[in-house]
Amino acid sequence: MKFPIIKDLSTRRSFLGAATTGASLLFANRLFGAPDAQSTAPSKDLERLGAVALAEGKKQGATYTDIRIARYRNQFSGYRLSPERGGTKTDEVPFVSDQSAFGFGVRVIANGQWGFAASPLVTADEITRITREAIVVAKANSVLQAKPVELAPTKSYVDRWTSNFEKDPFIVPTNEKLELMQSVTSTIKKDPKVFSSFGILWFRSEDKYFASSEGSSIQQFVVQGYPFLQATAVDFQNNISRTRSYSVEPLSAGWEAIPKANLGENAPRIRAEVLEHLAAPPVKPGKKDLVLLPSHLWLTIHESIGHSTELDRALGYEANFAGTSFLTTEKMGNFSFGSELINVFGDRTNEGGLATVKYDDDGVLTTKFPIIEKGIFKHYQTIRDQAHLIGETESRGCCYADSWSSVPFQRMPNVWLAPGPATVKPDDLISGVDDGILIDGDGSFSIDQQRYNFQFGGDAFWEIKGGKKRGMLSRVAYQAKTTDFWHSCDGIASRSYWQQFGAPSDGKGEPEQSNAVSHGCSPSRFRQVNVLLTD
């Protein structure tokens, strides 16, 4: 089973973050209060606690101080149906996981360098102690660092912001969630050739307060949700297994997104298609045209564009997790990344995006900015202490920490591909293909340490012959260089077909941090890409 890029962060840091007491969670509830989309003022109690860090930082000689007080909640619920080991019955295994974390982190600049410290005990006395500890760390860092930290200027903001949602998913009874997932997984499992079925509902909330010595006081609340279904069919006689998933757009949204996903209506389709996949002939390798649906293309965007345009990777500062980037700084503003159809934006403002917030963890107002314009690479993703390194005077608002106990650093915004002309439909893309493949959903992939050479699989594949979609194929992957691939794009469907898929959990850094990010696109066509026959 593949649940897209959800990772077990079994580290001491995540353990401490999860080990939140009942008493501290009750205090967090009182401190943050109920979500209030109408209010534009941060909690006075949060502001009083934040002021403690700012005052102590100034007292200890810090030239800059900020504090993040945050609580998080992650809930997974679902069902797995599979044969009983050594028997003929079907085991139906429900599962529920509900974790919360609450704490704060303080950053300072002292002697020209960053210092950071954090604690799960949110009291005024502890905030004072932790601020002093951050000062000690900064002064220690100053012995090792030659150049002082330089922050791009930003305005100060006093604001409260809540992501758009209609119904809080955490108030929906667990039994209701499990009944839904039992129903759809049972529907998938009805055919005896379907070996197992799996369904999950994921919900996450992030309630965060930020205050800085530059005058910002910002409270934000985000709710995200994602349903996922998967079927596995097995041909024991020929020792073959195939899967088929129903990938739904993960969104910043509430429970209202679940009925819109039509899980019950799609369950029979997934059952039929996993059986078709099981019987599908293998692809004939060679150069072929590809029509890629948003449920698949998002991952190619993420790996080849999203990660390659992170400035810390381009500078070589980030190489611990998944390497650096071929897109070095002399290429900014002049490098031909793809065809003229390729217009890509970094955007933490787009409705429903998993990385959408009003302010980043530097307190910067988030924006939409061009990464690639008409195929030319224009801008990196940046944060305040990076902008001057490429001659820019403002941050792109890409700072984020995944926990109160994590150091904020540059993380990917929503990165999306602009749609094509209003007249272009997916059928138009298919009709222009003589010999090709239509790919839906993501699968296994591989990309080198500089984001340049890659190979991508998928979840389902259909042959295209003579401009018509034919039957399913199996064992398909494609291989290309990043720039060759994006130059081969000669067709993008219109805005009507644009969707946001993405990663609820994308890893970066050491120790590893995880963030959620969306990648929107319309179905797109790529010419003469090398297609492989996989095992």
Protein backbone atom coordinates (compact mmCIF):
# COMPACT_ATOMS: atom_id res chain seq x y z
CA MET A 1 0.00 0.00 0.00
CA LYS A 2 1.26 3.45 -0.88
CA PHE A 3 -0.17 6.42 0.96
CA PRO A 4 1.42 9.42 -0.79
CA ILE A 5 4.53 10.65 1.01
CA ILE A 6 3.32 10.08 4.56
CA LYS A 7 6.34 9.31 6.71
CA ASP A 8 6.88 8.07 10.25
CA LEU A 9 9.00 10.69 11.94
CA SER A 10 10.07 8.49 14.85
CA THR A 11 12.61 10.88 16.29
CA ARG A 12 13.23 12.23 19.76
CA ARG A 13 11.91 15.60 18.60
CA SER A 14 8.62 14.17 17.30
CA PHE A 15 8.28 12.03 20.44
CA LEU A 16 8.60 15.10 22.62
CA GLY A 17 6.11 16.90 20.39
CA ALA A 18 3.58 14.09 20.74
CA ALA A 19 4.05 13.65 24.47
CA THR A 20 1.68 16.44 25.34
CA THR A 21 -0.18 16.05 28.62
CA GLY A 22 -3.93 16.35 29.00
CA ALA A 23 -3.48 19.35 31.27
CA SER A 24 -1.33 21.20 28.75
CA LEU A 25 -3.85 20.52 25.97
CA LEU A 26 -6.64 21.95 28.11
CA PHE A 27 -4.47 25.01 28.65
CA ALA A 28 -3.85 25.20 24.88
CA ASN A 29 -7.60 25.12 24.26
CA ARG A 30 -8.10 28.03 26.65
CA LEU A 31 -5.14 29.91 25.25
CA PHE A 32 -6.07 29.70 21.58
CA GLY A 33 -9.83 29.62 22.01
CA ALA A 34 -12.28 28.34 19.42
CA PRO A 35 -11.53 29.05 15.75
CA ASP A 36 -13.05 32.40 14.86
CA ALA A 37 -13.01 33.40 11.20
CA GLN A 38 -14.61 36.75 12.06
CA SER A 39 -11.99 37.93 14.53
CA THR A 40 -8.98 39.88 13.27
CA ALA A 41 -7.30 40.26 16.65
CA PRO A 42 -4.90 37.71 18.18
CA SER A 43 -5.64 36.31 21.62
CA LYS A 44 -4.60 38.72 24.39
CA ASP A 45 -3.30 35.78 26.45
CA LEU A 46 -1.05 34.74 23.57
CA GLU A 47 0.16 38.29 23.15
CA ARG A 48 1.08 38.52 26.85
CA LEU A 49 3.13 35.33 26.62
CA GLY A 50 4.79 36.47 23.42
CA ALA A 51 5.75 39.78 25.03
CA VAL A 52 7.75 37.88 27.66
CA ALA A 53 10.13 36.50 25.02
CA LEU A 54 10.47 39.84 23.24
CA ALA A 55 11.27 41.68 26.47
CA GLU A 56 13.79 39.08 27.59
CA GLY A 57 15.46 39.01 24.19
CA LYS A 58 15.93 42.78 24.29
CA LYS A 59 17.19 42.62 27.88
CA GLN A 60 19.82 40.02 26.90
CA GLY A 61 21.07 42.06 23.95
CA ALA A 62 19.38 40.29 21.02
CA THR A 63 18.99 42.46 17.93
CA TYR A 64 16.01 40.36 16.84
CA THR A 65 13.63 37.99 18.67
CA ASP A 66 10.57 36.02 17.62
CA ILE A 67 8.42 33.39 19.30
CA ARG A 68 6.04 30.78 17.90
CA ILE A 69 3.47 29.23 20.24
CA ALA A 70 1.73 26.38 18.45
CA ARG A 71 -0.58 23.41 18.84
CA TYR A 72 -1.05 20.68 16.26
CA ARG A 73 -3.45 17.81 15.77
CA ASN A 74 -3.19 14.86 13.37
CA GLN A 75 -5.98 12.31 13.03
CA PHE A 76 -6.05 9.16 10.88
CA SER A 77 -9.04 6.80 10.70
CA GLY A 78 -9.89 4.04 8.30
CA TYR A 79 -10.19 0.37 7.40
CA ARG A 80 -8.08 -2.36 5.87
CA LEU A 81 -9.75 -5.52 4.51
CA SER A 82 -7.57 -8.50 3.65
CA PRO A 83 -7.71 -12.32 3.83
CA GLU A 84 -7.22 -13.97 7.18
CA ARG A 85 -3.79 -15.54 7.36
CA GLY A 86 -4.12 -19.26 6.63
CA GLY A 87 -7.92 -19.05 6.34
CA THR A 88 -10.73 -18.08 3.99
CA LYS A 89 -12.36 -15.28 5.96
CA THR A 90 -11.71 -11.59 5.43
CA ASP A 91 -10.17 -9.66 8.29
CA GLU A 92 -11.69 -6.20 8.69
CA VAL A 93 -9.28 -4.06 10.66
CA PRO A 94 -10.33 -0.57 11.71
CA PHE A 95 -7.70 1.89 12.90
CA VAL A 96 -7.74 5.30 14.56
CA SER A 97 -4.82 7.52 15.49
CA ASP A 98 -5.28 10.94 17.08
CA GLN A 99 -2.19 12.87 18.16
CA SER A 100 -1.70 16.39 19.52
CA ALA A 101 1.30 18.55 20.30
CA PHE A 102 1.68 21.90 22.04
CA GLY A 103 4.70 24.06 22.84
CA PHE A 104 6.75 27.05 21.80
CA GLY A 105 10.06 27.96 20.16
CA VAL A 106 12.12 31.15 20.38
CA ARG A 107 14.56 32.47 17.76
CA VAL A 108 17.01 35.27 18.39
CA ILE A 109 19.83 37.03 16.59
CA ALA A 110 22.67 37.86 18.98
CA ASN A 111 26.26 38.67 18.04
CA GLY A 112 25.03 38.54 14.44
CA GLN A 113 23.94 34.88 14.50
CA TRP A 114 20.80 32.79 14.97
CA GLY A 115 20.00 31.01 18.20
CA PHE A 116 17.00 28.78 18.82
CA ALA A 117 15.50 26.92 21.78
CA ALA A 118 12.09 25.37 22.48
CA SER A 119 9.98 23.81 25.22
CA PRO A 120 6.63 22.00 25.67
CA LEU A 121 6.01 23.89 28.94
CA VAL A 122 4.20 27.09 27.98
CA THR A 123 4.56 29.44 30.95
CA ALA A 124 6.02 32.92 31.36
CA ASP A 125 8.91 31.64 33.48
CA GLU A 126 9.77 28.94 30.94
CA ILE A 127 9.60 31.42 28.06
CA THR A 128 12.10 33.61 29.90
CA ARG A 129 14.43 30.66 30.48
CA ILE A 130 14.20 29.42 26.90
CA THR A 131 14.84 32.89 25.48
CA ARG A 132 18.05 33.08 27.52
CA GLU A 133 18.99 29.62 26.24
CA ALA A 134 18.47 30.79 22.64
CA ILE A 135 20.80 33.73 23.34
CA VAL A 136 23.49 31.31 24.57
CA VAL A 137 23.12 29.25 21.38
CA ALA A 138 23.42 32.37 19.20
CA LYS A 139 26.56 33.51 20.95
CA ALA A 140 28.08 30.06 20.54
CA ASN A 141 27.21 30.11 16.84
CA SER A 142 28.87 33.51 16.43
CA VAL A 143 32.27 31.94 17.15
CA LEU A 144 31.86 29.66 14.13
CA GLN A 145 30.12 31.93 11.60
CA ALA A 146 32.09 34.60 9.74
CA LYS A 147 29.22 36.62 8.26
CA PRO A 148 26.35 38.09 10.29
CA VAL A 149 22.73 37.16 9.53
CA GLU A 150 21.09 39.67 7.17
CA LEU A 151 17.29 39.84 7.21
CA ALA A 152 15.32 41.26 4.29
CA PRO A 153 12.96 43.96 5.56
CA THR A 154 9.30 43.17 6.16
CA LYS A 155 6.33 45.10 7.44
CA SER A 156 4.93 44.38 10.89
CA TYR A 157 1.41 42.93 11.12
CA VAL A 158 -1.19 42.52 13.85
CA ASP A 159 -3.73 40.04 12.52
CA ARG A 160 -5.70 36.84 12.99
CA TRP A 161 -6.40 34.55 10.04
CA THR A 162 -8.29 31.27 9.61
CA SER A 163 -8.23 29.01 6.54
CA ASN A 164 -11.57 28.48 4.82
CA PHE A 165 -13.61 25.51 6.04
CA GLU A 166 -17.30 24.92 6.66
CA LYS A 167 -17.30 22.07 9.19
CA ASP A 168 -14.59 21.19 11.69
CA PRO A 169 -13.64 17.58 10.83
CA PHE A 170 -12.57 16.88 14.42
CA ILE A 171 -16.12 17.26 15.75
CA VAL A 172 -17.42 14.54 13.39
CA PRO A 173 -17.85 11.35 15.47
CA THR A 174 -15.21 8.66 14.96
CA ASN A 175 -17.92 6.06 14.38
CA GLU A 176 -19.26 8.07 11.45
CA LYS A 177 -15.81 8.18 9.88
CA LEU A 178 -15.23 4.45 10.40
CA GLU A 179 -18.66 3.52 9.04
CA LEU A 180 -17.93 5.47 5.86
CA MET A 181 -14.55 3.82 5.36
CA GLN A 182 -15.87 0.34 6.17
CA SER A 183 -18.60 0.81 3.56
CA VAL A 184 -16.29 1.89 0.75
CA THR A 185 -13.55 -0.65 1.49
CA SER A 186 -16.18 -3.42 1.62
CA THR A 187 -17.49 -2.32 -1.78
CA ILE A 188 -13.99 -2.49 -3.24
CA LYS A 189 -13.43 -5.96 -1.75
CA LYS A 190 -16.60 -7.53 -3.15
CA ASP A 191 -14.86 -9.30 -6.03
CA PRO A 192 -12.84 -12.34 -4.81
CA LYS A 193 -9.94 -11.35 -7.10
CA VAL A 194 -9.49 -8.19 -5.07
CA PHE A 195 -7.01 -9.35 -2.45
CA SER A 196 -7.20 -6.33 -0.15
CA SER A 197 -8.75 -2.89 0.13
CA PHE A 198 -7.67 0.09 2.16
CA GLY A 199 -9.23 3.43 2.98
CA ILE A 200 -8.11 6.30 5.16
CA LEU A 201 -9.26 9.75 6.24
CA TRP A 202 -6.53 12.18 7.32
CA PHE A 203 -7.19 15.48 9.05
CA ARG A 204 -4.71 17.97 10.42
CA SER A 205 -5.00 21.29 12.21
CA GLU A 206 -2.33 23.86 13.02
CA ASP A 207 -2.99 26.73 15.42
CA LYS A 208 -0.03 29.08 15.63
CA TYR A 209 0.85 32.40 17.22
CA PHE A 210 3.85 34.44 16.05
CA ALA A 211 5.29 37.58 17.63
CA SER A 212 8.47 39.44 16.71
CA SER A 213 10.54 42.27 18.08
CA GLU A 214 9.74 44.13 14.83
CA GLY A 215 6.15 44.55 15.99
CA SER A 216 4.25 41.63 14.47
CA SER A 217 1.58 39.75 16.42
CA ILE A 218 -0.08 37.10 14.24
CA GLN A 219 -2.43 34.22 15.01
CA GLN A 220 -3.32 31.67 12.30
CA PHE A 221 -5.45 28.51 12.21
CA VAL A 222 -5.31 25.97 9.36
CA VAL A 223 -7.40 22.83 8.78
CA GLN A 224 -6.45 20.24 6.15
CA GLY A 225 -8.04 16.99 5.00
CA TYR A 226 -7.41 14.08 2.68
CA PRO A 227 -9.32 10.86 1.88
CA PHE A 228 -7.58 7.98 0.09
CA LEU A 229 -8.68 4.58 -1.26
CA GLN A 230 -6.62 1.71 -2.64
CA ALA A 231 -7.33 -1.77 -4.00
CA THR A 232 -4.89 -4.64 -4.57
CA ALA A 233 -5.69 -7.54 -6.90
CA VAL A 234 -3.64 -10.73 -7.06
CA ASP A 235 -3.30 -13.45 -9.70
CA PHE A 236 -1.73 -16.27 -7.63
CA GLN A 237 -1.42 -18.62 -10.59
CA ASN A 238 0.82 -16.18 -12.49
CA ASN A 239 2.34 -14.57 -9.40
CA ILE A 240 1.14 -11.06 -10.36
CA SER A 241 -0.30 -8.30 -8.18
CA ARG A 242 -1.56 -4.87 -9.25
CA THR A 243 -2.97 -1.88 -7.39
CA ARG A 244 -5.39 0.92 -8.20
CA SER A 245 -5.94 3.99 -6.05
CA TYR A 246 -8.53 6.71 -5.88
CA SER A 247 -6.51 9.86 -5.36
CA VAL A 248 -8.52 12.80 -4.12
CA GLU A 249 -7.18 16.34 -3.95
CA PRO A 250 -5.77 16.92 -0.44
CA LEU A 251 -6.96 20.39 0.57
CA SER A 252 -7.01 23.01 3.24
CA ALA A 253 -10.68 22.38 3.93
CA GLY A 254 -13.01 20.81 6.48
CA TRP A 255 -15.35 17.82 6.58
CA GLU A 256 -17.32 19.29 3.68
CA ALA A 257 -14.58 18.01 1.33
CA ILE A 258 -15.38 14.37 2.15
CA PRO A 259 -18.90 14.18 0.65
CA LYS A 260 -17.58 16.02 -2.41
CA ALA A 261 -14.97 13.28 -2.88
CA ASN A 262 -17.75 10.76 -3.70
CA LEU A 263 -15.91 7.85 -2.13
CA GLY A 264 -18.90 5.51 -2.33
CA GLU A 265 -19.49 6.28 -6.01
CA ASN A 266 -15.83 5.73 -6.90
CA ALA A 267 -15.33 2.50 -4.96
CA PRO A 268 -16.91 0.24 -7.68
CA ARG A 269 -14.79 1.98 -10.34
CA ILE A 270 -11.60 1.33 -8.40
CA ARG A 271 -12.59 -2.33 -8.02
CA ALA A 272 -13.21 -2.69 -11.76
CA GLU A 273 -10.02 -0.88 -12.71
CA VAL A 274 -7.75 -2.86 -10.40
CA LEU A 275 -9.04 -6.03 -12.05
CA GLU A 276 -8.45 -4.52 -15.49
CA HIS A 277 -4.95 -3.55 -14.36
CA LEU A 278 -4.32 -7.12 -13.22
CA ALA A 279 -5.14 -8.43 -16.71
CA ALA A 280 -3.51 -5.57 -18.64
CA PRO A 281 -0.68 -6.37 -21.05
CA PRO A 282 2.76 -4.89 -20.39
CA VAL A 283 3.76 -1.75 -22.24
CA LYS A 284 6.05 -1.93 -25.26
CA PRO A 285 8.97 0.33 -24.35
CA GLY A 286 10.24 3.14 -26.56
CA LYS A 287 9.66 6.82 -27.32
CA LYS A 288 6.02 7.69 -26.80
CA ASP A 289 3.81 10.73 -26.31
CA LEU A 290 2.38 11.11 -22.79
CA VAL A 291 -0.83 12.70 -21.59
CA LEU A 292 -0.48 13.19 -17.85
CA LEU A 293 -3.42 13.88 -15.56
CA PRO A 294 -3.11 16.25 -12.56
CA SER A 295 -3.25 13.30 -10.15
CA HIS A 296 0.05 12.18 -11.67
CA LEU A 297 1.76 15.33 -12.93
CA TRP A 298 1.75 16.99 -9.49
CA LEU A 299 4.54 14.68 -8.32
CA THR A 300 6.71 15.37 -11.37
CA ILE A 301 6.24 19.10 -10.73
CA HIS A 302 7.10 18.61 -7.07
CA GLU A 303 10.30 16.67 -7.62
CA SER A 304 11.72 18.33 -10.74
CA ILE A 305 10.55 21.96 -10.30
CA GLY A 306 9.56 22.38 -6.66
CA HIS A 307 12.75 20.99 -5.15
CA SER A 308 15.13 22.28 -7.83
CA THR A 309 14.05 25.91 -7.27
CA GLU A 310 14.69 25.94 -3.51
CA LEU A 311 17.49 28.47 -3.01
CA ASP A 312 19.21 26.60 -0.18
CA ARG A 313 19.58 23.55 -2.45
CA ALA A 314 20.90 25.71 -5.32
CA LEU A 315 23.50 27.24 -2.99
CA GLY A 316 24.53 23.86 -1.62
CA TYR A 317 23.39 24.73 1.92
CA GLU A 318 20.83 21.91 1.86
CA ALA A 319 22.11 18.51 0.79
CA ASN A 320 21.17 16.25 3.73
CA PHE A 321 17.76 15.20 2.45
CA ALA A 322 17.46 14.52 -1.29
CA GLY A 323 20.42 16.58 -2.41
CA THR A 324 21.08 19.96 -3.99
CA SER A 325 20.00 21.37 -7.40
CA PHE A 326 21.30 21.63 -10.96
CA LEU A 327 19.63 25.07 -11.10
CA THR A 328 22.58 27.13 -9.86
CA THR A 329 22.30 30.88 -9.32
CA GLU A 330 23.88 32.07 -12.58
CA LYS A 331 20.87 30.52 -14.36
CA MET A 332 18.32 32.81 -12.67
CA GLY A 333 16.62 35.04 -15.22
CA ASN A 334 18.12 33.49 -18.35
CA PHE A 335 17.94 29.69 -18.25
CA SER A 336 15.54 27.88 -20.60
CA PHE A 337 13.80 25.38 -18.32
CA GLY A 338 10.97 24.31 -20.64
CA SER A 339 8.80 25.20 -23.62
CA GLU A 340 7.04 28.57 -23.87
CA LEU A 341 3.88 26.93 -22.53
CA ILE A 342 5.50 26.41 -19.13
CA ASN A 343 4.47 29.08 -16.63
CA VAL A 344 4.98 28.02 -13.01
CA PHE A 345 4.17 29.96 -9.84
CA GLY A 346 5.09 29.71 -6.19
CA ASP A 347 1.95 30.59 -4.30
CA ARG A 348 1.02 30.41 -0.61
CA THR A 349 -2.22 32.33 -1.26
CA ASN A 350 -4.17 30.02 -3.58
CA GLU A 351 -7.49 28.76 -2.25
CA GLY A 352 -7.33 25.28 -0.75
CA GLY A 353 -3.56 24.83 -1.13
CA LEU A 354 -1.90 22.75 1.57
CA ALA A 355 0.89 25.33 1.96
CA THR A 356 -1.55 28.26 1.95
CA VAL A 357 -1.32 30.64 4.90
CA LYS A 358 -1.52 34.42 5.18
CA TYR A 359 1.90 34.79 6.86
CA ASP A 360 4.96 32.56 6.89
CA ASP A 361 7.05 31.68 9.95
CA ASP A 362 9.19 34.79 9.41
CA GLY A 363 6.04 36.91 9.76
CA VAL A 364 6.14 37.75 6.03
CA LEU A 365 2.88 38.33 4.16
CA THR A 366 2.67 35.50 1.63
CA THR A 367 2.38 36.11 -2.10
CA LYS A 368 2.15 34.53 -5.53
CA PHE A 369 5.38 34.86 -7.51
CA PRO A 370 6.67 33.55 -10.87
CA ILE A 371 9.19 30.71 -10.82
CA ILE A 372 9.16 30.01 -14.57
CA GLU A 373 7.78 32.41 -17.21
CA LYS A 374 7.32 31.20 -20.78
CA GLY A 375 9.86 28.49 -20.09
CA ILE A 376 12.52 30.78 -18.56
CA PHE A 377 13.60 30.27 -14.94
CA LYS A 378 12.93 33.54 -13.07
CA HIS A 379 12.89 33.17 -9.29
CA TYR A 380 13.84 30.91 -6.40
CA GLN A 381 11.83 30.19 -3.28
CA THR A 382 13.36 32.32 -0.49
CA ILE A 383 13.07 33.44 3.13
CA ARG A 384 14.27 36.59 4.90
CA ASP A 385 17.86 35.57 5.58
CA GLN A 386 18.36 34.27 2.00
CA ALA A 387 17.10 37.11 -0.21
CA HIS A 388 20.32 39.15 -0.18
CA LEU A 389 22.30 36.12 -1.36
CA ILE A 390 20.78 36.53 -4.85
CA GLY A 391 20.53 40.32 -4.81
CA GLU A 392 16.87 40.52 -3.85
CA THR A 393 15.43 42.87 -1.24
CA GLU A 394 12.40 40.91 -0.04
CA SER A 395 11.51 37.39 1.00
CA ARG A 396 9.18 35.20 -1.09
CA GLY A 397 7.45 34.11 2.15
CA CYS A 398 8.63 30.48 2.15
CA CYS A 399 9.67 30.07 5.81
CA TYR A 400 8.11 27.21 7.79
CA ALA A 401 8.75 24.92 10.76
CA ASP A 402 6.76 21.72 11.15
CA SER A 403 6.66 21.87 14.94
CA TRP A 404 7.05 24.26 17.85
CA SER A 405 10.32 22.39 18.50
CA SER A 406 11.68 22.80 14.94
CA VAL A 407 13.89 25.55 13.57
CA PRO A 408 12.07 27.49 10.81
CA PHE A 409 13.80 27.25 7.44
CA GLN A 410 13.03 27.49 3.72
CA ARG A 411 10.19 25.16 2.69
CA MET A 412 8.32 24.71 -0.55
CA PRO A 413 5.22 26.84 -1.21
CA ASN A 414 2.40 25.57 -3.38
CA VAL A 415 4.05 25.28 -6.81
CA TRP A 416 1.65 25.14 -9.72
CA LEU A 417 1.63 25.00 -13.50
CA ALA A 418 -0.60 27.56 -15.22
CA PRO A 419 -3.43 26.11 -17.35
CA GLY A 420 -3.58 26.34 -21.12
CA PRO A 421 -6.00 28.19 -23.42
CA ALA A 422 -9.71 28.12 -22.63
CA THR A 423 -10.48 26.08 -25.75
CA VAL A 424 -8.18 23.12 -24.97
CA LYS A 425 -9.78 19.97 -23.53
CA PRO A 426 -8.13 16.70 -22.43
CA ASP A 427 -9.71 14.97 -25.42
CA ASP A 428 -7.92 17.45 -27.68
CA LEU A 429 -4.60 16.40 -26.17
CA ILE A 430 -5.42 12.72 -26.67
CA SER A 431 -6.66 13.19 -30.24
CA GLY A 432 -3.26 14.60 -31.19
CA VAL A 433 -1.42 11.45 -30.11
CA ASP A 434 -0.79 8.59 -32.54
CA ASP A 435 1.15 6.33 -30.17
CA GLY A 436 1.16 7.20 -26.49
CA ILE A 437 0.01 6.62 -22.92
CA LEU A 438 -2.45 8.33 -20.60
CA ILE A 439 -1.26 8.22 -16.96
CA ASP A 440 -3.37 8.74 -13.83
CA GLY A 441 -2.16 8.78 -10.22
CA ASP A 442 1.31 8.66 -8.76
CA GLY A 443 3.53 5.65 -8.20
CA SER A 444 7.15 4.87 -7.49
CA PHE A 445 9.75 7.36 -8.68
CA SER A 446 13.46 8.09 -8.63
CA ILE A 447 15.36 11.35 -9.15
CA ASP A 448 19.05 12.14 -8.79
CA GLN A 449 20.64 14.33 -6.13
CA GLN A 450 20.55 17.41 -8.34
CA ARG A 451 16.94 17.00 -9.53
CA TYR A 452 18.02 16.48 -13.12
CA ASN A 453 17.67 12.82 -14.17
CA PHE A 454 14.42 11.13 -13.20
CA GLN A 455 12.13 8.16 -13.62
CA PHE A 456 8.41 8.15 -12.73
CA GLY A 457 5.84 5.41 -12.58
CA GLY A 458 2.12 5.92 -12.02
CA ASP A 459 -1.02 4.32 -10.68
CA ALA A 460 -2.92 3.52 -13.89
CA PHE A 461 -2.04 3.60 -17.58
CA TRP A 462 -4.11 3.55 -20.77
CA GLU A 463 -2.81 3.11 -24.27
CA ILE A 464 -3.49 5.87 -26.80
CA LYS A 465 -3.58 4.75 -30.44
CA GLY A 466 -4.61 6.86 -33.41
CA GLY A 467 -5.90 9.63 -31.18
CA LYS A 468 -8.12 7.31 -29.13
CA LYS A 469 -7.88 6.07 -25.54
CA ARG A 470 -7.68 2.26 -25.55
CA GLY A 471 -7.40 -0.38 -22.84
CA MET A 472 -5.15 -0.43 -19.79
CA LEU A 473 -1.44 -1.17 -19.86
CA SER A 474 0.84 -2.33 -17.04
CA ARG A 475 4.48 -2.06 -15.93
CA VAL A 476 4.91 1.51 -17.23
CA ALA A 477 7.48 4.13 -16.25
CA TYR A 478 9.04 7.04 -18.11
CA GLN A 479 12.53 8.46 -17.95
CA ALA A 480 13.93 11.90 -18.85
CA LYS A 481 16.14 14.81 -17.96
CA THR A 482 14.21 17.58 -16.22
CA THR A 483 14.77 20.23 -18.90
CA ASP A 484 14.21 17.82 -21.82
CA PHE A 485 10.92 16.75 -20.28
CA TRP A 486 9.56 20.26 -19.75
CA HIS A 487 10.70 21.36 -23.21
CA SER A 488 8.70 18.46 -24.69
CA CYS A 489 5.39 19.88 -23.38
CA ASP A 490 3.28 21.06 -26.32
CA GLY A 491 -0.23 21.06 -24.88
CA ILE A 492 -1.97 22.01 -21.61
CA ALA A 493 -5.72 21.79 -21.01
CA SER A 494 -7.75 24.78 -19.85
CA ARG A 495 -8.50 26.09 -16.37
CA SER A 496 -11.74 24.04 -16.30
CA TYR A 497 -9.62 20.90 -15.82
CA TRP A 498 -7.08 22.36 -13.36
CA GLN A 499 -6.77 20.45 -10.05
CA GLN A 500 -4.56 20.63 -6.94
CA PHE A 501 -2.98 17.41 -5.79
CA GLY A 502 -0.01 17.24 -3.48
CA ALA A 503 1.92 15.86 -0.56
CA PRO A 504 0.42 15.92 2.95
CA SER A 505 3.91 15.18 4.24
CA ASP A 506 7.05 16.18 2.35
CA GLY A 507 10.43 15.69 3.99
CA LYS A 508 13.45 17.98 4.06
CA GLY A 509 16.39 18.77 6.31
CA GLU A 510 18.38 17.04 9.02
CA PRO A 511 16.84 16.45 11.47
CA GLU A 512 14.00 15.88 9.03
CA GLN A 513 11.00 18.18 8.95
CA SER A 514 7.76 17.59 7.12
CA ASN A 515 5.42 20.08 5.44
CA ALA A 516 2.26 19.86 3.36
CA VAL A 517 2.26 21.30 -0.15
CA SER A 518 -0.05 21.37 -3.19
CA HIS A 519 0.77 21.34 -6.90
CA GLY A 520 -1.97 22.37 -9.29
CA CYS A 521 -2.07 21.68 -13.01
CA SER A 522 -4.31 20.73 -15.89
CA PRO A 523 -3.85 17.59 -18.02
CA SER A 524 -0.74 18.12 -20.15
CA ARG A 525 0.90 16.48 -23.16
CA PHE A 526 4.59 15.66 -23.57
CA ARG A 527 6.12 14.47 -26.83
CA GLN A 528 8.48 11.53 -27.40
CA VAL A 529 9.41 10.67 -23.83
CA ASN A 530 11.37 7.49 -23.18
CA VAL A 531 8.97 4.84 -21.80
CA LEU A 532 10.34 1.85 -19.88
CA LEU A 533 9.03 -1.64 -19.13
CA THR A 534 9.33 -2.09 -15.37
CA ASP A 535 9.38 -5.24 -13.26
